[in-house]
All heavy atoms as atom14 arrays in JSON, in Angstrom:
{
  "sequence": "SLFDLAVNLGAPTTLKELGMREEDLDRAVDIALANPYWNPRPIERRPL",
  "atom14_mask": [
    [1, 1, 1, 1, 1, 1, 0, 0, 0, 0, 0, 0, 0, 0],
    [1, 1, 1, 1, 1, 1, 1, 1, 0, 0, 0, 0, 0, 0],
    [1, 1, 1, 1, 1, 1, 1, 1, 1, 1, 1, 0, 0, 0],
    [1, 1, 1, 1, 1, 1, 1, 1, 0, 0, 0, 0, 0, 0],
    [1, 1, 1, 1, 1, 1, 1, 1, 0, 0, 0, 0, 0, 0],
    [1, 1, 1, 1, 1, 0, 0, 0, 0, 0, 0, 0, 0, 0],
    [1, 1, 1, 1, 1, 1, 1, 0, 0, 0, 0, 0, 0, 0],
    [1, 1, 1, 1, 1, 1, 1, 1, 0, 0, 0, 0, 0, 0],
    [1, 1, 1, 1, 1, 1, 1, 1, 0, 0, 0, 0, 0, 0],
    [1, 1, 1, 1, 0, 0, 0, 0, 0, 0, 0, 0, 0, 0],
    [1, 1, 1, 1, 1, 0, 0, 0, 0, 0, 0, 0, 0, 0],
    [1, 1, 1, 1, 1, 1, 1, 0, 0, 0, 0, 0, 0, 0],
    [1, 1, 1, 1, 1, 1, 1, 0, 0, 0, 0, 0, 0, 0],
    [1, 1, 1, 1, 1, 1, 1, 0, 0, 0, 0, 0, 0, 0],
    [1, 1, 1, 1, 1, 1, 1, 1, 0, 0, 0, 0, 0, 0],
    [1, 1, 1, 1, 1, 1, 1, 1, 1, 0, 0, 0, 0, 0],
    [1, 1, 1, 1, 1, 1, 1, 1, 1, 0, 0, 0, 0, 0],
    [1, 1, 1, 1, 1, 1, 1, 1, 0, 0, 0, 0, 0, 0],
    [1, 1, 1, 1, 0, 0, 0, 0, 0, 0, 0, 0, 0, 0],
    [1, 1, 1, 1, 1, 1, 1, 1, 0, 0, 0, 0, 0, 0],
    [1, 1, 1, 1, 1, 1, 1, 1, 1, 1, 1, 0, 0, 0],
    [1, 1, 1, 1, 1, 1, 1, 1, 1, 0, 0, 0, 0, 0],
    [1, 1, 1, 1, 1, 1, 1, 1, 1, 0, 0, 0, 0, 0],
    [1, 1, 1, 1, 1, 1, 1, 1, 0, 0, 0, 0, 0, 0],
    [1, 1, 1, 1, 1, 1, 1, 1, 0, 0, 0, 0, 0, 0],
    [1, 1, 1, 1, 1, 1, 1, 1, 0, 0, 0, 0, 0, 0],
    [1, 1, 1, 1, 1, 1, 1, 1, 1, 1, 1, 0, 0, 0],
    [1, 1, 1, 1, 1, 0, 0, 0, 0, 0, 0, 0, 0, 0],
    [1, 1, 1, 1, 1, 1, 1, 0, 0, 0, 0, 0, 0, 0],
    [1, 1, 1, 1, 1, 1, 1, 1, 0, 0, 0, 0, 0, 0],
    [1, 1, 1, 1, 1, 1, 1, 1, 0, 0, 0, 0, 0, 0],
    [1, 1, 1, 1, 1, 0, 0, 0, 0, 0, 0, 0, 0, 0],
    [1, 1, 1, 1, 1, 1, 1, 1, 0, 0, 0, 0, 0, 0],
    [1, 1, 1, 1, 1, 0, 0, 0, 0, 0, 0, 0, 0, 0],
    [1, 1, 1, 1, 1, 1, 1, 1, 0, 0, 0, 0, 0, 0],
    [1, 1, 1, 1, 1, 1, 1, 0, 0, 0, 0, 0, 0, 0],
    [1, 1, 1, 1, 1, 1, 1, 1, 1, 1, 1, 1, 0, 0],
    [1, 1, 1, 1, 1, 1, 1, 1, 1, 1, 1, 1, 1, 1],
    [1, 1, 1, 1, 1, 1, 1, 1, 0, 0, 0, 0, 0, 0],
    [1, 1, 1, 1, 1, 1, 1, 0, 0, 0, 0, 0, 0, 0],
    [1, 1, 1, 1, 1, 1, 1, 1, 1, 1, 1, 0, 0, 0],
    [1, 1, 1, 1, 1, 1, 1, 0, 0, 0, 0, 0, 0, 0],
    [1, 1, 1, 1, 1, 1, 1, 1, 0, 0, 0, 0, 0, 0],
    [1, 1, 1, 1, 1, 1, 1, 1, 1, 0, 0, 0, 0, 0],
    [1, 1, 1, 1, 1, 1, 1, 1, 1, 1, 1, 0, 0, 0],
    [1, 1, 1, 1, 1, 1, 1, 1, 1, 1, 1, 0, 0, 0],
    [1, 1, 1, 1, 1, 1, 1, 0, 0, 0, 0, 0, 0, 0],
    [1, 1, 1, 1, 1, 1, 1, 1, 0, 0, 0, 0, 0, 0]
  ],
  "atom14_positions": [
    [[-3.87, 11.23, 11.38], [-5.16, 11.25, 12.1], [-5.98, 10.01, 11.68], [-6.54, 9.35, 12.58], [-5.99, 12.51, 11.73], [-5.26, 13.64, 12.23], [0.0, 0.0, 0.0], [0.0, 0.0, 0.0], [0.0, 0.0, 0.0], [0.0, 0.0, 0.0], [0.0, 0.0, 0.0], [0.0, 0.0, 0.0], [0.0, 0.0, 0.0], [0.0, 0.0, 0.0]],
    [[-5.98, 9.63, 10.47], [-6.7, 8.5, 9.98], [-6.12, 7.19, 10.56], [-6.78, 6.26, 10.94], [-6.81, 8.45, 8.51], [-7.84, 7.38, 7.96], [-9.25, 7.76, 8.33], [-7.63, 7.27, 6.41], [0.0, 0.0, 0.0], [0.0, 0.0, 0.0], [0.0, 0.0, 0.0], [0.0, 0.0, 0.0], [0.0, 0.0, 0.0], [0.0, 0.0, 0.0]],
    [[-4.75, 7.13, 10.56], [-4.06, 5.97, 11.13], [-4.42, 5.81, 12.57], [-4.7, 4.74, 13.09], [-2.53, 6.14, 10.97], [-1.73, 5.02, 11.37], [-1.52, 3.89, 10.6], [-1.2, 4.99, 12.71], [-0.71, 2.85, 11.0], [-0.48, 3.93, 13.18], [-0.21, 2.81, 12.31], [0.0, 0.0, 0.0], [0.0, 0.0, 0.0], [0.0, 0.0, 0.0]],
    [[-4.42, 6.91, 13.26], [-4.7, 6.88, 14.72], [-6.16, 6.46, 14.98], [-6.45, 5.72, 15.88], [-4.49, 8.3, 15.34], [-3.05, 8.67, 15.43], [-2.18, 7.76, 15.23], [-2.79, 9.85, 15.6], [0.0, 0.0, 0.0], [0.0, 0.0, 0.0], [0.0, 0.0, 0.0], [0.0, 0.0, 0.0], [0.0, 0.0, 0.0], [0.0, 0.0, 0.0]],
    [[-7.11, 6.87, 14.06], [-8.43, 6.48, 14.16], [-8.59, 4.98, 14.02], [-9.27, 4.32, 14.83], [-9.32, 7.14, 13.1], [-10.82, 6.71, 13.05], [-11.51, 7.1, 14.3], [-11.48, 7.32, 11.78], [0.0, 0.0, 0.0], [0.0, 0.0, 0.0], [0.0, 0.0, 0.0], [0.0, 0.0, 0.0], [0.0, 0.0, 0.0], [0.0, 0.0, 0.0]],
    [[-7.85, 4.37, 13.02], [-7.83, 2.97, 12.88], [-7.3, 2.26, 14.06], [-7.91, 1.21, 14.57], [-7.05, 2.66, 11.59], [0.0, 0.0, 0.0], [0.0, 0.0, 0.0], [0.0, 0.0, 0.0], [0.0, 0.0, 0.0], [0.0, 0.0, 0.0], [0.0, 0.0, 0.0], [0.0, 0.0, 0.0], [0.0, 0.0, 0.0], [0.0, 0.0, 0.0]],
    [[-6.23, 2.74, 14.61], [-5.65, 2.13, 15.84], [-6.69, 2.18, 16.97], [-6.91, 1.18, 17.65], [-4.4, 2.8, 16.23], [-3.88, 2.33, 17.62], [-3.28, 2.58, 15.18], [0.0, 0.0, 0.0], [0.0, 0.0, 0.0], [0.0, 0.0, 0.0], [0.0, 0.0, 0.0], [0.0, 0.0, 0.0], [0.0, 0.0, 0.0], [0.0, 0.0, 0.0]],
    [[-7.24, 3.31, 17.19], [-8.26, 3.45, 18.32], [-9.49, 2.58, 18.09], [-10.09, 2.14, 19.07], [-8.7, 4.96, 18.41], [-7.56, 5.86, 18.93], [-6.64, 5.4, 19.49], [-7.63, 7.08, 18.5], [0.0, 0.0, 0.0], [0.0, 0.0, 0.0], [0.0, 0.0, 0.0], [0.0, 0.0, 0.0], [0.0, 0.0, 0.0], [0.0, 0.0, 0.0]],
    [[-9.86, 2.29, 16.88], [-10.95, 1.45, 16.54], [-10.62, -0.03, 16.62], [-11.46, -0.93, 16.48], [-11.56, 1.8, 15.24], [-12.25, 3.21, 15.08], [-12.57, 3.49, 13.66], [-13.5, 3.21, 15.98], [0.0, 0.0, 0.0], [0.0, 0.0, 0.0], [0.0, 0.0, 0.0], [0.0, 0.0, 0.0], [0.0, 0.0, 0.0], [0.0, 0.0, 0.0]],
    [[-9.35, -0.34, 16.79], [-8.9, -1.74, 16.78], [-8.86, -2.4, 15.44], [-8.89, -3.62, 15.27], [0.0, 0.0, 0.0], [0.0, 0.0, 0.0], [0.0, 0.0, 0.0], [0.0, 0.0, 0.0], [0.0, 0.0, 0.0], [0.0, 0.0, 0.0], [0.0, 0.0, 0.0], [0.0, 0.0, 0.0], [0.0, 0.0, 0.0], [0.0, 0.0, 0.0]],
    [[-8.65, -1.6, 14.34], [-8.65, -2.07, 13.08], [-7.24, -2.56, 12.69], [-6.24, -2.23, 13.31], [-9.0, -0.99, 12.03], [0.0, 0.0, 0.0], [0.0, 0.0, 0.0], [0.0, 0.0, 0.0], [0.0, 0.0, 0.0], [0.0, 0.0, 0.0], [0.0, 0.0, 0.0], [0.0, 0.0, 0.0], [0.0, 0.0, 0.0], [0.0, 0.0, 0.0]],
    [[-7.12, -3.39, 11.63], [-5.76, -3.85, 11.22], [-4.97, -2.63, 10.64], [-5.58, -1.74, 10.07], [-6.1, -4.86, 10.14], [-7.43, -4.57, 9.66], [-8.13, -4.06, 10.84], [0.0, 0.0, 0.0], [0.0, 0.0, 0.0], [0.0, 0.0, 0.0], [0.0, 0.0, 0.0], [0.0, 0.0, 0.0], [0.0, 0.0, 0.0], [0.0, 0.0, 0.0]],
    [[-3.7, -2.69, 10.89], [-2.86, -1.57, 10.41], [-1.64, -2.02, 9.56], [-0.79, -1.21, 9.12], [-2.32, -0.72, 11.61], [-1.59, -1.65, 12.44], [-3.45, -0.05, 12.29], [0.0, 0.0, 0.0], [0.0, 0.0, 0.0], [0.0, 0.0, 0.0], [0.0, 0.0, 0.0], [0.0, 0.0, 0.0], [0.0, 0.0, 0.0], [0.0, 0.0, 0.0]],
    [[-1.54, -3.37, 9.33], [-0.38, -3.83, 8.52], [-0.83, -4.8, 7.41], [-1.78, -5.58, 7.69], [0.67, -4.62, 9.39], [0.06, -5.88, 9.82], [1.0, -3.77, 10.66], [0.0, 0.0, 0.0], [0.0, 0.0, 0.0], [0.0, 0.0, 0.0], [0.0, 0.0, 0.0], [0.0, 0.0, 0.0], [0.0, 0.0, 0.0], [0.0, 0.0, 0.0]],
    [[-0.22, -4.76, 6.3], [-0.49, -5.7, 5.21], [-0.03, -7.13, 5.64], [-0.61, -8.12, 5.23], [0.15, -5.33, 3.94], [-0.39, -4.07, 3.21], [0.49, -3.73, 2.01], [-1.77, -4.27, 2.86], [0.0, 0.0, 0.0], [0.0, 0.0, 0.0], [0.0, 0.0, 0.0], [0.0, 0.0, 0.0], [0.0, 0.0, 0.0], [0.0, 0.0, 0.0]],
    [[0.99, -7.21, 6.52], [1.49, -8.46, 6.94], [0.39, -9.27, 7.68], [0.25, -10.45, 7.39], [2.65, -8.27, 7.9], [3.3, -9.56, 8.41], [4.51, -9.26, 9.31], [5.15, -10.56, 9.76], [6.37, -10.21, 10.57], [0.0, 0.0, 0.0], [0.0, 0.0, 0.0], [0.0, 0.0, 0.0], [0.0, 0.0, 0.0], [0.0, 0.0, 0.0]],
    [[-0.39, -8.58, 8.5], [-1.47, -9.35, 9.23], [-2.57, -9.75, 8.35], [-3.38, -10.62, 8.76], [-1.89, -8.51, 10.42], [-2.69, -7.23, 10.05], [-2.91, -6.42, 11.33], [-3.74, -6.72, 12.15], [-2.26, -5.3, 11.42], [0.0, 0.0, 0.0], [0.0, 0.0, 0.0], [0.0, 0.0, 0.0], [0.0, 0.0, 0.0], [0.0, 0.0, 0.0]],
    [[-2.64, -9.2, 7.13], [-3.71, -9.53, 6.15], [-3.24, -10.73, 5.31], [-4.13, -11.23, 4.51], [-4.1, -8.39, 5.29], [-4.6, -7.11, 6.02], [-5.05, -6.07, 4.96], [-5.69, -7.45, 6.98], [0.0, 0.0, 0.0], [0.0, 0.0, 0.0], [0.0, 0.0, 0.0], [0.0, 0.0, 0.0], [0.0, 0.0, 0.0], [0.0, 0.0, 0.0]],
    [[-2.04, -11.14, 5.48], [-1.52, -12.25, 4.69], [-0.6, -11.99, 3.59], [-0.18, -12.82, 2.77], [0.0, 0.0, 0.0], [0.0, 0.0, 0.0], [0.0, 0.0, 0.0], [0.0, 0.0, 0.0], [0.0, 0.0, 0.0], [0.0, 0.0, 0.0], [0.0, 0.0, 0.0], [0.0, 0.0, 0.0], [0.0, 0.0, 0.0], [0.0, 0.0, 0.0]],
    [[-0.27, -10.72, 3.38], [0.64, -10.27, 2.35], [2.04, -10.76, 2.68], [2.52, -10.65, 3.81], [0.62, -8.75, 2.17], [1.45, -8.23, 0.99], [0.65, -8.65, -0.57], [1.77, -7.92, -1.75], [0.0, 0.0, 0.0], [0.0, 0.0, 0.0], [0.0, 0.0, 0.0], [0.0, 0.0, 0.0], [0.0, 0.0, 0.0], [0.0, 0.0, 0.0]],
    [[2.76, -11.23, 1.68], [4.18, -11.64, 1.93], [5.07, -10.52, 1.4], [4.86, -9.88, 0.44], [4.47, -12.89, 1.06], [3.59, -14.13, 1.49], [4.09, -15.42, 0.69], [4.19, -15.14, -0.7], [4.75, -16.05, -1.55], [5.33, -17.18, -1.06], [4.77, -15.74, -2.86], [0.0, 0.0, 0.0], [0.0, 0.0, 0.0], [0.0, 0.0, 0.0]],
    [[6.09, -10.22, 2.2], [7.01, -9.13, 1.91], [7.69, -9.35, 0.59], [7.87, -8.4, -0.15], [8.06, -9.0, 3.01], [8.92, -7.71, 2.86], [9.79, -7.49, 4.12], [9.89, -8.39, 5.01], [10.31, -6.36, 4.26], [0.0, 0.0, 0.0], [0.0, 0.0, 0.0], [0.0, 0.0, 0.0], [0.0, 0.0, 0.0], [0.0, 0.0, 0.0]],
    [[7.93, -10.61, 0.19], [8.58, -10.88, -1.01], [7.74, -10.6, -2.28], [8.23, -10.51, -3.42], [9.11, -12.33, -1.14], [8.06, -13.35, -0.92], [7.98, -13.84, 0.55], [8.2, -12.96, 1.45], [7.72, -15.03, 0.8], [0.0, 0.0, 0.0], [0.0, 0.0, 0.0], [0.0, 0.0, 0.0], [0.0, 0.0, 0.0], [0.0, 0.0, 0.0]],
    [[6.41, -10.32, -2.03], [5.52, -10.11, -3.13], [5.33, -8.53, -3.35], [4.63, -8.17, -4.26], [4.15, -10.71, -2.88], [4.18, -12.16, -3.05], [4.97, -12.64, -3.87], [3.29, -12.92, -2.45], [0.0, 0.0, 0.0], [0.0, 0.0, 0.0], [0.0, 0.0, 0.0], [0.0, 0.0, 0.0], [0.0, 0.0, 0.0], [0.0, 0.0, 0.0]],
    [[5.95, -7.77, -2.51], [5.73, -6.25, -2.59], [6.28, -5.73, -3.98], [5.62, -4.88, -4.54], [6.35, -5.56, -1.5], [5.77, -5.81, -0.1], [6.56, -5.07, 0.99], [4.28, -5.46, -0.03], [0.0, 0.0, 0.0], [0.0, 0.0, 0.0], [0.0, 0.0, 0.0], [0.0, 0.0, 0.0], [0.0, 0.0, 0.0], [0.0, 0.0, 0.0]],
    [[7.41, -6.25, -4.43], [7.95, -5.74, -5.7], [7.02, -6.14, -6.87], [6.81, -5.32, -7.74], [9.29, -6.38, -5.95], [10.37, -5.75, -5.03], [10.32, -4.57, -4.77], [11.3, -6.51, -4.64], [0.0, 0.0, 0.0], [0.0, 0.0, 0.0], [0.0, 0.0, 0.0], [0.0, 0.0, 0.0], [0.0, 0.0, 0.0], [0.0, 0.0, 0.0]],
    [[6.41, -7.31, -6.79], [5.48, -7.68, -7.83], [4.22, -6.81, -7.81], [3.66, -6.37, -8.88], [5.05, -9.15, -7.77], [4.11, -9.67, -8.8], [3.89, -11.15, -8.77], [2.78, -11.47, -9.56], [1.65, -12.05, -9.09], [1.61, -12.38, -7.8], [0.66, -12.35, -9.88], [0.0, 0.0, 0.0], [0.0, 0.0, 0.0], [0.0, 0.0, 0.0]],
    [[3.77, -6.44, -6.63], [2.66, -5.51, -6.48], [2.93, -4.2, -7.06], [2.05, -3.59, -7.79], [2.25, -5.39, -4.95], [0.0, 0.0, 0.0], [0.0, 0.0, 0.0], [0.0, 0.0, 0.0], [0.0, 0.0, 0.0], [0.0, 0.0, 0.0], [0.0, 0.0, 0.0], [0.0, 0.0, 0.0], [0.0, 0.0, 0.0], [0.0, 0.0, 0.0]],
    [[4.13, -3.7, -6.9], [4.49, -2.41, -7.53], [4.5, -2.61, -9.06], [3.97, -1.7, -9.76], [5.93, -2.01, -7.1], [6.4, -0.8, -7.85], [5.89, -1.71, -5.56], [0.0, 0.0, 0.0], [0.0, 0.0, 0.0], [0.0, 0.0, 0.0], [0.0, 0.0, 0.0], [0.0, 0.0, 0.0], [0.0, 0.0, 0.0], [0.0, 0.0, 0.0]],
    [[4.98, -3.68, -9.57], [4.97, -3.89, -11.05], [3.56, -3.87, -11.62], [3.33, -3.23, -12.63], [5.71, -5.23, -11.35], [7.23, -5.27, -11.08], [7.8, -4.15, -11.07], [7.72, -6.37, -10.99], [0.0, 0.0, 0.0], [0.0, 0.0, 0.0], [0.0, 0.0, 0.0], [0.0, 0.0, 0.0], [0.0, 0.0, 0.0], [0.0, 0.0, 0.0]],
    [[2.66, -4.55, -10.91], [1.36, -4.63, -11.38], [0.65, -3.26, -11.34], [-0.03, -2.85, -12.29], [0.53, -5.64, -10.62], [1.04, -7.01, -10.78], [-0.98, -5.64, -10.99], [0.51, -8.08, -9.87], [0.0, 0.0, 0.0], [0.0, 0.0, 0.0], [0.0, 0.0, 0.0], [0.0, 0.0, 0.0], [0.0, 0.0, 0.0], [0.0, 0.0, 0.0]],
    [[0.87, -2.56, -10.28], [0.29, -1.18, -10.11], [0.81, -0.21, -11.2], [0.08, 0.63, -11.73], [0.5, -0.67, -8.79], [0.0, 0.0, 0.0], [0.0, 0.0, 0.0], [0.0, 0.0, 0.0], [0.0, 0.0, 0.0], [0.0, 0.0, 0.0], [0.0, 0.0, 0.0], [0.0, 0.0, 0.0], [0.0, 0.0, 0.0], [0.0, 0.0, 0.0]],
    [[2.06, -0.33, -11.54], [2.65, 0.58, -12.48], [2.33, 0.23, -13.88], [2.39, 1.08, -14.81], [4.2, 0.57, -12.32], [4.78, 1.22, -11.11], [6.31, 0.98, -11.01], [4.52, 2.76, -11.14], [0.0, 0.0, 0.0], [0.0, 0.0, 0.0], [0.0, 0.0, 0.0], [0.0, 0.0, 0.0], [0.0, 0.0, 0.0], [0.0, 0.0, 0.0]],
    [[1.84, -1.03, -14.05], [1.51, -1.44, -15.5], [0.35, -0.66, -16.04], [0.33, -0.47, -17.28], [1.28, -2.9, -15.5], [0.0, 0.0, 0.0], [0.0, 0.0, 0.0], [0.0, 0.0, 0.0], [0.0, 0.0, 0.0], [0.0, 0.0, 0.0], [0.0, 0.0, 0.0], [0.0, 0.0, 0.0], [0.0, 0.0, 0.0], [0.0, 0.0, 0.0]],
    [[-0.55, -0.3, -15.21], [-1.78, 0.5, -15.66], [-2.21, 1.39, -14.66], [-3.29, 1.23, -13.98], [-2.91, -0.57, -15.96], [-4.11, 0.15, -16.63], [-3.96, 1.12, -17.29], [-5.27, -0.52, -16.39], [0.0, 0.0, 0.0], [0.0, 0.0, 0.0], [0.0, 0.0, 0.0], [0.0, 0.0, 0.0], [0.0, 0.0, 0.0], [0.0, 0.0, 0.0]],
    [[-1.42, 2.43, -14.41], [-1.67, 3.37, -13.28], [-2.9, 4.28, -13.47], [-3.28, 4.56, -14.65], [-0.39, 4.23, -13.24], [0.12, 4.16, -14.61], [-0.24, 2.84, -15.16], [0.0, 0.0, 0.0], [0.0, 0.0, 0.0], [0.0, 0.0, 0.0], [0.0, 0.0, 0.0], [0.0, 0.0, 0.0], [0.0, 0.0, 0.0], [0.0, 0.0, 0.0]],
    [[-3.53, 4.67, -12.33], [-4.59, 5.65, -12.46], [-3.99, 7.02, -12.45], [-2.83, 7.23, -12.18], [-5.4, 5.57, -11.14], [-6.41, 4.44, -10.98], [-6.34, 3.28, -11.8], [-7.52, 4.52, -10.11], [-7.22, 2.27, -11.62], [-8.38, 3.5, -9.88], [-8.24, 2.39, -10.67], [-9.12, 1.37, -10.56], [0.0, 0.0, 0.0], [0.0, 0.0, 0.0]],
    [[-4.84, 7.98, -12.86], [-4.38, 9.43, -12.64], [-4.21, 9.59, -11.11], [-4.95, 9.01, -10.3], [-5.58, 10.38, -13.12], [-5.19, 11.82, -12.76], [-4.46, 12.61, -13.56], [-5.44, 12.49, -11.67], [-4.29, 13.85, -12.95], [-4.94, 13.78, -11.72], [-6.15, 12.15, -10.44], [-5.06, 14.74, -10.71], [-6.26, 13.12, -9.41], [-5.71, 14.4, -9.58]],
    [[-3.24, 10.4, -10.77], [-2.98, 10.71, -9.41], [-2.44, 12.11, -9.25], [-1.7, 12.5, -10.13], [-1.95, 9.63, -8.87], [-1.9, 9.64, -7.32], [-2.9, 9.35, -6.62], [-0.74, 9.97, -6.73], [0.0, 0.0, 0.0], [0.0, 0.0, 0.0], [0.0, 0.0, 0.0], [0.0, 0.0, 0.0], [0.0, 0.0, 0.0], [0.0, 0.0, 0.0]],
    [[-2.75, 12.8, -8.16], [-2.33, 14.2, -8.04], [-0.76, 14.24, -7.98], [-0.22, 15.31, -8.43], [-2.9, 14.69, -6.72], [-3.31, 13.46, -6.03], [-3.61, 12.41, -7.08], [0.0, 0.0, 0.0], [0.0, 0.0, 0.0], [0.0, 0.0, 0.0], [0.0, 0.0, 0.0], [0.0, 0.0, 0.0], [0.0, 0.0, 0.0], [0.0, 0.0, 0.0]],
    [[-0.1, 13.23, -7.51], [1.39, 13.22, -7.42], [1.8, 12.17, -8.4], [1.23, 11.09, -8.45], [1.87, 12.86, -5.99], [3.35, 12.72, -5.89], [3.77, 12.33, -4.53], [5.16, 11.9, -4.49], [5.81, 11.41, -3.42], [5.12, 11.27, -2.26], [7.07, 11.07, -3.44], [0.0, 0.0, 0.0], [0.0, 0.0, 0.0], [0.0, 0.0, 0.0]],
    [[2.88, 12.38, -9.2], [3.36, 11.35, -10.14], [3.65, 10.02, -9.4], [4.14, 10.05, -8.29], [4.64, 11.97, -10.68], [4.4, 13.43, -10.58], [3.59, 13.63, -9.31], [0.0, 0.0, 0.0], [0.0, 0.0, 0.0], [0.0, 0.0, 0.0], [0.0, 0.0, 0.0], [0.0, 0.0, 0.0], [0.0, 0.0, 0.0], [0.0, 0.0, 0.0]],
    [[3.3, 8.93, -10.08], [3.53, 7.63, -9.44], [4.86, 7.07, -9.84], [5.03, 6.83, -11.08], [2.42, 6.68, -9.84], [1.01, 7.17, -9.37], [2.57, 5.3, -9.3], [-0.21, 6.34, -9.78], [0.0, 0.0, 0.0], [0.0, 0.0, 0.0], [0.0, 0.0, 0.0], [0.0, 0.0, 0.0], [0.0, 0.0, 0.0], [0.0, 0.0, 0.0]],
    [[5.74, 6.98, -8.88], [7.13, 6.58, -9.18], [7.5, 5.36, -8.4], [6.99, 5.15, -7.28], [8.08, 7.77, -8.84], [7.79, 9.04, -9.6], [8.64, 10.23, -9.0], [8.5, 10.52, -7.88], [9.3, 10.83, -9.78], [0.0, 0.0, 0.0], [0.0, 0.0, 0.0], [0.0, 0.0, 0.0], [0.0, 0.0, 0.0], [0.0, 0.0, 0.0]],
    [[8.3, 4.55, -9.0], [8.55, 3.23, -8.46], [9.09, 3.28, -7.01], [8.58, 2.55, -6.13], [9.52, 2.44, -9.3], [9.89, 1.04, -8.77], [10.77, 0.29, -9.77], [10.1, -0.02, -10.97], [9.29, -1.14, -11.09], [9.12, -1.97, -10.09], [8.71, -1.37, -12.2], [0.0, 0.0, 0.0], [0.0, 0.0, 0.0], [0.0, 0.0, 0.0]],
    [[10.08, 4.02, -6.81], [10.84, 4.01, -5.46], [9.94, 4.45, -4.35], [9.73, 3.75, -3.36], [12.12, 4.76, -5.47], [12.92, 4.78, -4.18], [14.22, 5.4, -4.3], [15.09, 4.63, -5.19], [16.33, 5.05, -5.53], [16.81, 6.13, -4.95], [17.09, 4.32, -6.31], [0.0, 0.0, 0.0], [0.0, 0.0, 0.0], [0.0, 0.0, 0.0]],
    [[9.28, 5.57, -4.42], [8.38, 5.99, -3.39], [7.09, 5.14, -3.24], [6.59, 4.94, -2.14], [7.95, 7.42, -3.74], [8.37, 7.64, -5.14], [9.43, 6.69, -5.43], [0.0, 0.0, 0.0], [0.0, 0.0, 0.0], [0.0, 0.0, 0.0], [0.0, 0.0, 0.0], [0.0, 0.0, 0.0], [0.0, 0.0, 0.0], [0.0, 0.0, 0.0]],
    [[6.73, 4.49, -4.4], [5.55, 3.59, -4.32], [5.95, 2.29, -3.56], [5.2, 1.88, -2.77], [5.13, 3.25, -5.75], [3.89, 2.3, -5.84], [2.67, 2.89, -5.13], [3.58, 2.01, -7.3], [0.0, 0.0, 0.0], [0.0, 0.0, 0.0], [0.0, 0.0, 0.0], [0.0, 0.0, 0.0], [0.0, 0.0, 0.0], [0.0, 0.0, 0.0]]
  ]
}
C-alpha cells in the first residue's frame, strides 16, 4: 500500500535512480551489519 502510494504520488521508487551503484550494495550491507539497531525481526545478511 505504501509502495503504491509512492507510485501514485510520482515519488522515486528505486535506489538506482537516486544514484546508488549496484556494486555498492554489498558494502552497504557490511556497514549496516557493523552496528545494527534493534529490530523486531533478526537482521541477517542474506535477507538484508
